[in-house]
Amino acid sequence: MTRFTLSGRRFELWLALAIVLLDQLTKALVRLNVPLYSSVEIVPGLLNLTNVRNTGAAFGILNAVDFPFKATLIAFIATAALLGVALYAASLAPHQRAARFGLALILGGAAGNLLDRVVHGSVVDFVDVYWQQYHFWAFNVADSAITIGVAVLILDMLRTAPHVSDVV
């Protein structure tokens, strides 16, 4: 196992922090400038800025369900996942740059959404991409960072996975 040192992880730490700051800044701007459940058309027929709250998990799962301690339970699960990803990221070797980059994006996004859950009890989602009457789930900067981070990890795994013909 690779020993964790902060000096070798500065880029990842700064990247995760930048994601959290950009995420929180954009959410604050939406809270201040777009009334709750309202939209501002940016690209007609394609993109709106909207102000919605997600009290559930990813993609609005559990958003319409209400039960005691829902916010606490989701924040607890998100914290556990964040810690698990952070421990895994810390175990990666210095040469695993793509995986470290992807995990830094995921950590920054997860921390940004967790901060919203703890401070506000819900996550602000504001990017509304749609085509005619079909709307994708509203999302935010943190969600985008997580999605890009997962894509980077998948591409890294595909790139580094041994081929069956090489194993035999």
N, C-alpha and C. Protein backbone atom coordinates (compact mmCIF):
# COMPACT_ATOMS: atom_id res chain seq x y z
N MET A 1 0.85 -1.19 0.00
CA MET A 1 0.00 0.00 0.00
C MET A 1 0.89 1.24 0.00
N THR A 2 0.50 2.22 -0.76
CA THR A 2 1.24 3.47 -0.85
C THR A 2 0.96 4.33 0.37
N ARG A 3 2.04 4.91 0.92
CA ARG A 3 1.88 5.79 2.06
C ARG A 3 1.29 7.12 1.62
N PHE A 4 0.33 7.64 2.39
CA PHE A 4 -0.33 8.90 2.05
C PHE A 4 0.50 10.07 2.56
N THR A 5 0.79 10.99 1.65
CA THR A 5 1.45 12.23 2.04
C THR A 5 0.71 13.39 1.39
N LEU A 6 0.54 14.45 2.13
CA LEU A 6 -0.14 15.61 1.59
C LEU A 6 0.66 16.27 0.48
N SER A 7 1.98 16.26 0.58
CA SER A 7 2.79 16.93 -0.42
C SER A 7 2.58 16.34 -1.81
N GLY A 8 2.34 15.04 -1.89
CA GLY A 8 2.10 14.41 -3.18
C GLY A 8 0.67 14.51 -3.65
N ARG A 9 -0.18 15.11 -2.85
CA ARG A 9 -1.62 15.18 -3.17
C ARG A 9 -2.13 16.60 -3.30
N ARG A 10 -1.24 17.56 -3.39
CA ARG A 10 -1.67 18.96 -3.42
C ARG A 10 -2.62 19.25 -4.56
N PHE A 11 -2.31 18.77 -5.75
CA PHE A 11 -3.17 19.06 -6.89
C PHE A 11 -4.58 18.54 -6.64
N GLU A 12 -4.69 17.30 -6.19
CA GLU A 12 -6.01 16.72 -5.93
C GLU A 12 -6.76 17.49 -4.85
N LEU A 13 -6.06 17.89 -3.80
CA LEU A 13 -6.71 18.65 -2.73
C LEU A 13 -7.22 20.00 -3.24
N TRP A 14 -6.39 20.68 -4.02
CA TRP A 14 -6.79 21.98 -4.57
C TRP A 14 -7.93 21.83 -5.56
N LEU A 15 -7.90 20.78 -6.36
CA LEU A 15 -8.97 20.55 -7.33
C LEU A 15 -10.30 20.30 -6.61
N ALA A 16 -10.27 19.43 -5.60
CA ALA A 16 -11.50 19.14 -4.84
C ALA A 16 -12.01 20.42 -4.17
N LEU A 17 -11.12 21.20 -3.58
CA LEU A 17 -11.52 22.46 -2.94
C LEU A 17 -12.10 23.44 -3.95
N ALA A 18 -11.49 23.53 -5.14
CA ALA A 18 -12.00 24.43 -6.18
C ALA A 18 -13.41 24.01 -6.62
N ILE A 19 -13.65 22.71 -6.71
CA ILE A 19 -14.99 22.22 -7.08
C ILE A 19 -16.00 22.63 -6.01
N VAL A 20 -15.65 22.43 -4.73
CA VAL A 20 -16.55 22.80 -3.64
C VAL A 20 -16.86 24.30 -3.69
N LEU A 21 -15.83 25.11 -3.87
CA LEU A 21 -16.03 26.57 -3.89
C LEU A 21 -16.88 27.01 -5.09
N LEU A 22 -16.58 26.49 -6.27
CA LEU A 22 -17.37 26.84 -7.45
C LEU A 22 -18.82 26.36 -7.30
N ASP A 23 -18.99 25.17 -6.77
CA ASP A 23 -20.33 24.63 -6.55
C ASP A 23 -21.12 25.51 -5.58
N GLN A 24 -20.52 25.85 -4.46
CA GLN A 24 -21.22 26.66 -3.45
C GLN A 24 -21.49 28.07 -3.96
N LEU A 25 -20.56 28.63 -4.73
CA LEU A 25 -20.77 29.97 -5.30
C LEU A 25 -21.95 29.96 -6.27
N THR A 26 -21.99 28.99 -7.18
CA THR A 26 -23.08 28.95 -8.15
C THR A 26 -24.43 28.70 -7.48
N LYS A 27 -24.46 27.86 -6.47
CA LYS A 27 -25.71 27.59 -5.75
C LYS A 27 -26.18 28.85 -5.00
N ALA A 28 -25.24 29.58 -4.42
CA ALA A 28 -25.60 30.81 -3.72
C ALA A 28 -26.16 31.85 -4.70
N LEU A 29 -25.55 31.95 -5.87
CA LEU A 29 -26.05 32.88 -6.88
C LEU A 29 -27.45 32.50 -7.34
N VAL A 30 -27.71 31.21 -7.49
CA VAL A 30 -29.05 30.76 -7.89
C VAL A 30 -30.05 31.07 -6.78
N ARG A 31 -29.68 30.79 -5.52
CA ARG A 31 -30.58 31.08 -4.39
C ARG A 31 -30.94 32.56 -4.35
N LEU A 32 -29.97 33.43 -4.65
CA LEU A 32 -30.19 34.87 -4.58
C LEU A 32 -30.95 35.44 -5.78
N ASN A 33 -30.77 34.84 -6.95
CA ASN A 33 -31.27 35.46 -8.18
C ASN A 33 -32.42 34.76 -8.88
N VAL A 34 -32.69 33.51 -8.55
CA VAL A 34 -33.77 32.77 -9.20
C VAL A 34 -34.73 32.31 -8.11
N PRO A 35 -35.95 32.80 -8.12
CA PRO A 35 -36.91 32.37 -7.09
C PRO A 35 -37.11 30.85 -7.12
N LEU A 36 -37.37 30.30 -5.96
CA LEU A 36 -37.57 28.85 -5.82
C LEU A 36 -38.65 28.38 -6.80
N TYR A 37 -38.38 27.30 -7.48
CA TYR A 37 -39.27 26.67 -8.48
C TYR A 37 -39.54 27.56 -9.69
N SER A 38 -38.65 28.51 -9.94
CA SER A 38 -38.73 29.35 -11.13
C SER A 38 -37.59 29.01 -12.07
N SER A 39 -37.73 29.44 -13.33
CA SER A 39 -36.70 29.18 -14.32
C SER A 39 -36.40 30.44 -15.11
N VAL A 40 -35.18 30.51 -15.60
CA VAL A 40 -34.73 31.57 -16.49
C VAL A 40 -34.23 30.88 -17.75
N GLU A 41 -34.84 31.22 -18.89
CA GLU A 41 -34.45 30.59 -20.14
C GLU A 41 -33.08 31.10 -20.58
N ILE A 42 -32.16 30.18 -20.86
CA ILE A 42 -30.82 30.53 -21.31
C ILE A 42 -30.67 30.24 -22.80
N VAL A 43 -30.98 29.02 -23.21
CA VAL A 43 -30.98 28.63 -24.62
C VAL A 43 -32.38 28.10 -24.92
N PRO A 44 -33.18 28.85 -25.67
CA PRO A 44 -34.56 28.42 -25.91
C PRO A 44 -34.65 27.00 -26.45
N GLY A 45 -35.52 26.21 -25.83
CA GLY A 45 -35.74 24.84 -26.25
C GLY A 45 -34.68 23.85 -25.83
N LEU A 46 -33.70 24.31 -24.99
CA LEU A 46 -32.61 23.41 -24.61
C LEU A 46 -32.13 23.56 -23.17
N LEU A 47 -32.01 24.80 -22.68
CA LEU A 47 -31.36 25.00 -21.38
C LEU A 47 -32.00 26.13 -20.59
N ASN A 48 -32.35 25.82 -19.35
CA ASN A 48 -32.85 26.81 -18.40
C ASN A 48 -31.99 26.79 -17.15
N LEU A 49 -31.92 27.93 -16.49
CA LEU A 49 -31.44 27.96 -15.10
C LEU A 49 -32.71 27.89 -14.26
N THR A 50 -32.73 26.99 -13.33
CA THR A 50 -33.91 26.81 -12.50
C THR A 50 -33.47 26.74 -11.05
N ASN A 51 -34.39 26.80 -10.14
CA ASN A 51 -34.07 26.72 -8.72
C ASN A 51 -34.97 25.68 -8.09
N VAL A 52 -34.45 24.48 -7.96
CA VAL A 52 -35.19 23.39 -7.33
C VAL A 52 -34.36 22.80 -6.21
N ARG A 53 -35.02 22.15 -5.29
CA ARG A 53 -34.35 21.51 -4.17
C ARG A 53 -34.47 20.00 -4.29
N ASN A 54 -33.37 19.32 -4.04
CA ASN A 54 -33.36 17.86 -4.02
C ASN A 54 -33.15 17.43 -2.57
N THR A 55 -34.21 16.93 -1.96
CA THR A 55 -34.09 16.43 -0.58
C THR A 55 -33.76 14.95 -0.57
N GLY A 56 -33.69 14.36 -1.76
CA GLY A 56 -33.41 12.93 -1.87
C GLY A 56 -31.94 12.69 -2.18
N ALA A 57 -31.70 11.58 -2.87
CA ALA A 57 -30.34 11.19 -3.24
C ALA A 57 -30.12 11.53 -4.72
N ALA A 58 -29.16 10.87 -5.33
CA ALA A 58 -28.82 11.11 -6.73
C ALA A 58 -30.04 10.93 -7.63
N PHE A 59 -30.14 11.80 -8.64
CA PHE A 59 -31.23 11.78 -9.61
C PHE A 59 -32.60 11.92 -8.95
N GLY A 60 -32.65 12.53 -7.79
CA GLY A 60 -33.93 12.75 -7.12
C GLY A 60 -34.53 11.51 -6.47
N ILE A 61 -33.76 10.43 -6.38
CA ILE A 61 -34.27 9.22 -5.72
C ILE A 61 -34.63 9.59 -4.28
N LEU A 62 -35.79 9.22 -3.84
CA LEU A 62 -36.34 9.51 -2.51
C LEU A 62 -36.76 10.98 -2.34
N ASN A 63 -36.73 11.75 -3.40
CA ASN A 63 -37.10 13.16 -3.30
C ASN A 63 -38.55 13.33 -2.87
N ALA A 64 -39.43 12.50 -3.41
CA ALA A 64 -40.87 12.62 -3.11
C ALA A 64 -41.27 11.83 -1.87
N VAL A 65 -40.34 11.12 -1.26
CA VAL A 65 -40.64 10.31 -0.09
C VAL A 65 -40.23 11.08 1.15
N ASP A 66 -41.07 11.06 2.15
CA ASP A 66 -40.73 11.75 3.40
C ASP A 66 -40.79 10.75 4.55
N PHE A 67 -39.77 10.74 5.37
CA PHE A 67 -39.77 9.89 6.55
C PHE A 67 -38.90 10.56 7.61
N PRO A 68 -39.07 10.17 8.87
CA PRO A 68 -38.30 10.81 9.94
C PRO A 68 -36.79 10.66 9.73
N PHE A 69 -36.08 11.71 9.96
CA PHE A 69 -34.62 11.73 9.89
C PHE A 69 -34.07 11.47 8.49
N LYS A 70 -34.87 11.75 7.46
CA LYS A 70 -34.45 11.51 6.08
C LYS A 70 -33.16 12.29 5.76
N ALA A 71 -33.15 13.57 6.09
CA ALA A 71 -31.97 14.39 5.78
C ALA A 71 -30.75 13.88 6.52
N THR A 72 -30.93 13.47 7.76
CA THR A 72 -29.81 12.96 8.56
C THR A 72 -29.30 11.65 7.98
N LEU A 73 -30.20 10.76 7.61
CA LEU A 73 -29.81 9.47 7.05
C LEU A 73 -29.06 9.65 5.74
N ILE A 74 -29.58 10.49 4.86
CA ILE A 74 -28.91 10.70 3.57
C ILE A 74 -27.55 11.35 3.77
N ALA A 75 -27.46 12.31 4.69
CA ALA A 75 -26.17 12.96 4.98
C ALA A 75 -25.18 11.95 5.58
N PHE A 76 -25.66 11.06 6.43
CA PHE A 76 -24.79 10.03 7.02
C PHE A 76 -24.25 9.10 5.94
N ILE A 77 -25.12 8.64 5.05
CA ILE A 77 -24.70 7.74 3.97
C ILE A 77 -23.71 8.47 3.04
N ALA A 78 -24.00 9.73 2.73
CA ALA A 78 -23.11 10.52 1.87
C ALA A 78 -21.75 10.72 2.54
N THR A 79 -21.73 10.94 3.84
CA THR A 79 -20.47 11.09 4.56
C THR A 79 -19.67 9.80 4.53
N ALA A 80 -20.33 8.67 4.76
CA ALA A 80 -19.65 7.38 4.72
C ALA A 80 -19.05 7.13 3.33
N ALA A 81 -19.82 7.42 2.28
CA ALA A 81 -19.33 7.24 0.92
C ALA A 81 -18.15 8.17 0.63
N LEU A 82 -18.24 9.41 1.09
CA LEU A 82 -17.17 10.38 0.91
C LEU A 82 -15.89 9.89 1.58
N LEU A 83 -16.00 9.40 2.79
CA LEU A 83 -14.83 8.89 3.51
C LEU A 83 -14.25 7.66 2.80
N GLY A 84 -15.10 6.78 2.33
CA GLY A 84 -14.63 5.60 1.61
C GLY A 84 -13.86 5.98 0.35
N VAL A 85 -14.39 6.93 -0.42
CA VAL A 85 -13.72 7.38 -1.63
C VAL A 85 -12.40 8.06 -1.28
N ALA A 86 -12.40 8.86 -0.21
CA ALA A 86 -11.18 9.55 0.20
C ALA A 86 -10.09 8.55 0.62
N LEU A 87 -10.47 7.52 1.34
CA LEU A 87 -9.49 6.50 1.75
C LEU A 87 -8.94 5.76 0.54
N TYR A 88 -9.81 5.45 -0.40
CA TYR A 88 -9.35 4.79 -1.62
C TYR A 88 -8.41 5.71 -2.40
N ALA A 89 -8.79 6.97 -2.55
CA ALA A 89 -7.95 7.93 -3.27
C ALA A 89 -6.58 8.06 -2.62
N ALA A 90 -6.55 8.04 -1.30
CA ALA A 90 -5.28 8.17 -0.57
C ALA A 90 -4.38 6.96 -0.79
N SER A 91 -4.96 5.83 -1.15
CA SER A 91 -4.16 4.62 -1.32
C SER A 91 -3.54 4.51 -2.71
N LEU A 92 -3.93 5.38 -3.63
CA LEU A 92 -3.43 5.28 -5.00
C LEU A 92 -1.98 5.75 -5.10
N ALA A 93 -1.26 5.10 -5.97
CA ALA A 93 0.15 5.44 -6.19
C ALA A 93 0.26 6.74 -7.00
N PRO A 94 1.39 7.42 -6.88
CA PRO A 94 1.57 8.68 -7.61
C PRO A 94 1.41 8.55 -9.12
N HIS A 95 1.77 7.42 -9.70
CA HIS A 95 1.68 7.26 -11.16
C HIS A 95 0.24 7.05 -11.64
N GLN A 96 -0.71 6.86 -10.75
CA GLN A 96 -2.11 6.65 -11.12
C GLN A 96 -2.82 8.00 -11.23
N ARG A 97 -2.30 8.84 -12.10
CA ARG A 97 -2.76 10.23 -12.21
C ARG A 97 -4.22 10.35 -12.63
N ALA A 98 -4.64 9.59 -13.62
CA ALA A 98 -6.02 9.70 -14.10
C ALA A 98 -7.00 9.31 -13.00
N ALA A 99 -6.73 8.22 -12.31
CA ALA A 99 -7.62 7.79 -11.23
C ALA A 99 -7.64 8.82 -10.11
N ARG A 100 -6.49 9.37 -9.78
CA ARG A 100 -6.43 10.39 -8.73
C ARG A 100 -7.19 11.64 -9.14
N PHE A 101 -7.10 12.02 -10.41
CA PHE A 101 -7.83 13.17 -10.93
C PHE A 101 -9.34 12.92 -10.86
N GLY A 102 -9.77 11.76 -11.34
CA GLY A 102 -11.19 11.42 -11.30
C GLY A 102 -11.74 11.40 -9.88
N LEU A 103 -10.97 10.81 -8.98
CA LEU A 103 -11.43 10.74 -7.58
C LEU A 103 -11.45 12.12 -6.93
N ALA A 104 -10.54 13.01 -7.31
CA ALA A 104 -10.57 14.38 -6.78
C ALA A 104 -11.84 15.09 -7.22
N LEU A 105 -12.25 14.89 -8.49
CA LEU A 105 -13.51 15.47 -8.96
C LEU A 105 -14.69 14.91 -8.18
N ILE A 106 -14.70 13.61 -7.97
CA ILE A 106 -15.79 12.97 -7.22
C ILE A 106 -15.82 13.49 -5.79
N LEU A 107 -14.66 13.58 -5.15
CA LEU A 107 -14.61 14.07 -3.76
C LEU A 107 -15.09 15.51 -3.66
N GLY A 108 -14.67 16.36 -4.58
CA GLY A 108 -15.11 17.76 -4.56
C GLY A 108 -16.61 17.87 -4.75
N GLY A 109 -17.15 17.12 -5.70
CA GLY A 109 -18.59 17.14 -5.93
C GLY A 109 -19.37 16.59 -4.76
N ALA A 110 -18.91 15.47 -4.22
CA ALA A 110 -19.61 14.87 -3.08
C ALA A 110 -19.57 15.80 -1.87
N ALA A 111 -18.43 16.45 -1.65
CA ALA A 111 -18.32 17.38 -0.52
C ALA A 111 -19.23 18.60 -0.73
N GLY A 112 -19.32 19.10 -1.95
CA GLY A 112 -20.20 20.24 -2.23
C GLY A 112 -21.65 19.92 -1.96
N ASN A 113 -22.11 18.76 -2.42
CA ASN A 113 -23.50 18.38 -2.16
C ASN A 113 -23.73 18.05 -0.70
N LEU A 114 -22.75 17.43 -0.04
CA LEU A 114 -22.90 17.13 1.38
C LEU A 114 -22.99 18.42 2.19
N LEU A 115 -22.20 19.41 1.85
CA LEU A 115 -22.26 20.70 2.53
C LEU A 115 -23.66 21.30 2.42
N ASP A 116 -24.26 21.23 1.24
CA ASP A 116 -25.63 21.70 1.06
C ASP A 116 -26.60 20.95 1.97
N ARG A 117 -26.48 19.64 2.01
CA ARG A 117 -27.39 18.82 2.83
C ARG A 117 -27.28 19.18 4.31
N VAL A 118 -26.05 19.37 4.77
CA VAL A 118 -25.85 19.66 6.19
C VAL A 118 -26.32 21.08 6.54
N VAL A 119 -26.00 22.05 5.70
CA VAL A 119 -26.32 23.45 5.99
C VAL A 119 -27.77 23.78 5.68
N HIS A 120 -28.29 23.28 4.53
CA HIS A 120 -29.62 23.69 4.07
C HIS A 120 -30.67 22.59 4.14
N GLY A 121 -30.27 21.35 4.39
CA GLY A 121 -31.21 20.24 4.45
C GLY A 121 -31.60 19.69 3.09
N SER A 122 -31.08 20.28 2.02
CA SER A 122 -31.35 19.82 0.66
C SER A 122 -30.26 20.36 -0.25
N VAL A 123 -30.23 19.84 -1.47
CA VAL A 123 -29.24 20.26 -2.46
C VAL A 123 -29.94 21.13 -3.51
N VAL A 124 -29.33 22.25 -3.84
CA VAL A 124 -29.86 23.11 -4.90
C VAL A 124 -29.41 22.56 -6.25
N ASP A 125 -30.38 22.26 -7.11
CA ASP A 125 -30.10 21.87 -8.48
C ASP A 125 -30.62 22.98 -9.38
N PHE A 126 -29.84 23.33 -10.42
CA PHE A 126 -30.24 24.51 -11.20
C PHE A 126 -30.03 24.42 -12.70
N VAL A 127 -29.31 23.44 -13.18
CA VAL A 127 -29.13 23.30 -14.62
C VAL A 127 -30.23 22.38 -15.13
N ASP A 128 -31.08 22.93 -15.99
CA ASP A 128 -32.22 22.19 -16.54
C ASP A 128 -32.04 22.06 -18.05
N VAL A 129 -31.59 20.87 -18.47
CA VAL A 129 -31.41 20.58 -19.88
C VAL A 129 -32.63 19.81 -20.36
N TYR A 130 -33.18 20.24 -21.50
CA TYR A 130 -34.41 19.60 -21.96
C TYR A 130 -34.52 19.66 -23.48
N TRP A 131 -35.37 18.82 -24.00
CA TRP A 131 -35.72 18.81 -25.42
C TRP A 131 -37.22 18.65 -25.51
N GLN A 132 -37.89 19.65 -26.03
CA GLN A 132 -39.35 19.69 -26.10
C GLN A 132 -39.92 19.51 -24.68
N GLN A 133 -40.70 18.46 -24.42
CA GLN A 133 -41.25 18.28 -23.07
C GLN A 133 -40.41 17.33 -22.22
N TYR A 134 -39.29 16.82 -22.76
CA TYR A 134 -38.46 15.86 -22.03
C TYR A 134 -37.33 16.58 -21.31
N HIS A 135 -37.39 16.55 -19.99
CA HIS A 135 -36.37 17.20 -19.16
C HIS A 135 -35.48 16.15 -18.52
N PHE A 136 -34.17 16.38 -18.60
CA PHE A 136 -33.21 15.58 -17.86
C PHE A 136 -33.32 16.02 -16.41
N TRP A 137 -32.82 15.24 -15.47
CA TRP A 137 -32.85 15.67 -14.08
C TRP A 137 -32.05 16.96 -13.95
N ALA A 138 -32.57 17.89 -13.17
CA ALA A 138 -31.81 19.12 -12.90
C ALA A 138 -30.55 18.73 -12.12
N PHE A 139 -29.47 19.45 -12.38
CA PHE A 139 -28.21 19.12 -11.71
C PHE A 139 -27.44 20.39 -11.40
N ASN A 140 -26.26 20.24 -10.82
CA ASN A 140 -25.45 21.39 -10.41
C ASN A 140 -23.98 21.12 -10.71
N VAL A 141 -23.10 22.01 -10.30
CA VAL A 141 -21.66 21.87 -10.55
C VAL A 141 -21.12 20.62 -9.86
N ALA A 142 -21.54 20.35 -8.64
CA ALA A 142 -21.07 19.17 -7.92
C ALA A 142 -21.46 17.89 -8.66
N ASP A 143 -22.69 17.82 -9.12
CA ASP A 143 -23.14 16.65 -9.88
C ASP A 143 -22.30 16.48 -11.15
N SER A 144 -22.00 17.58 -11.82
CA SER A 144 -21.19 17.52 -13.03
C SER A 144 -19.79 17.00 -12.73
N ALA A 145 -19.19 17.48 -11.64
CA ALA A 145 -17.86 17.02 -11.26
C ALA A 145 -17.86 15.52 -10.95
N ILE A 146 -18.89 15.06 -10.24
CA ILE A 146 -18.99 13.64 -9.93
C ILE A 146 -19.11 12.82 -11.22
N THR A 147 -19.96 13.26 -12.12
CA THR A 147 -20.17 12.54 -13.38
C THR A 147 -18.89 12.49 -14.21
N ILE A 148 -18.21 13.60 -14.33
CA ILE A 148 -16.95 13.64 -15.08
C ILE A 148 -15.91 12.76 -14.39
N GLY A 149 -15.85 12.82 -13.07
CA GLY A 149 -14.91 11.99 -12.32
C GLY A 149 -15.15 10.51 -12.53
N VAL A 150 -16.40 10.09 -12.52
CA VAL A 150 -16.73 8.68 -12.78
C VAL A 150 -16.33 8.30 -14.20
N ALA A 151 -16.59 9.17 -15.16
CA ALA A 151 -16.21 8.90 -16.55
C ALA A 151 -14.69 8.74 -16.68
N VAL A 152 -13.93 9.60 -16.01
CA VAL A 152 -12.47 9.50 -16.03
C VAL A 152 -12.03 8.17 -15.44
N LEU A 153 -12.63 7.76 -14.34
CA LEU A 153 -12.28 6.48 -13.72
C LEU A 153 -12.58 5.30 -14.65
N ILE A 154 -13.74 5.34 -15.28
CA ILE A 154 -14.10 4.25 -16.20
C ILE A 154 -13.12 4.20 -17.37
N LEU A 155 -12.82 5.34 -17.96
CA LEU A 155 -11.86 5.38 -19.06
C LEU A 155 -10.48 4.89 -18.61
N ASP A 156 -10.07 5.26 -17.41
CA ASP A 156 -8.79 4.81 -16.87
C ASP A 156 -8.79 3.29 -16.68
N MET A 157 -9.88 2.75 -16.17
CA MET A 157 -9.96 1.30 -15.98
C MET A 157 -9.93 0.57 -17.31
N LEU A 158 -10.63 1.10 -18.31
CA LEU A 158 -10.64 0.47 -19.63
C LEU A 158 -9.25 0.53 -20.27
N ARG A 159 -8.56 1.61 -20.02
CA ARG A 159 -7.22 1.79 -20.60
C ARG A 159 -6.21 0.87 -19.95
N THR A 160 -6.33 0.64 -18.66
CA THR A 160 -5.33 -0.13 -17.93
C THR A 160 -5.72 -1.57 -17.68
N ALA A 161 -6.94 -1.97 -18.01
CA ALA A 161 -7.37 -3.35 -17.76
C ALA A 161 -6.62 -4.30 -18.68
N PRO A 162 -6.17 -5.44 -18.13
CA PRO A 162 -5.48 -6.40 -18.99
C PRO A 162 -6.46 -7.04 -19.97
N HIS A 163 -5.99 -7.29 -21.16
CA HIS A 163 -6.82 -7.94 -22.16
C HIS A 163 -6.73 -9.44 -21.97
N VAL A 164 -7.81 -10.14 -22.28
CA VAL A 164 -7.86 -11.60 -22.11
C VAL A 164 -6.72 -12.25 -22.87
N SER A 165 -6.43 -11.77 -24.06
CA SER A 165 -5.36 -12.37 -24.86
C SER A 165 -3.99 -12.20 -24.21
N ASP A 166 -3.83 -11.17 -23.38
CA ASP A 166 -2.55 -10.95 -22.70
C ASP A 166 -2.39 -11.85 -21.48
N VAL A 167 -3.50 -12.30 -20.92
CA VAL A 167 -3.47 -13.10 -19.69
C VAL A 167 -3.19 -14.57 -20.01
N VAL A 168 -3.72 -15.06 -21.13
CA VAL A 168 -3.61 -16.48 -21.48
C VAL A 168 -2.25 -16.81 -22.02
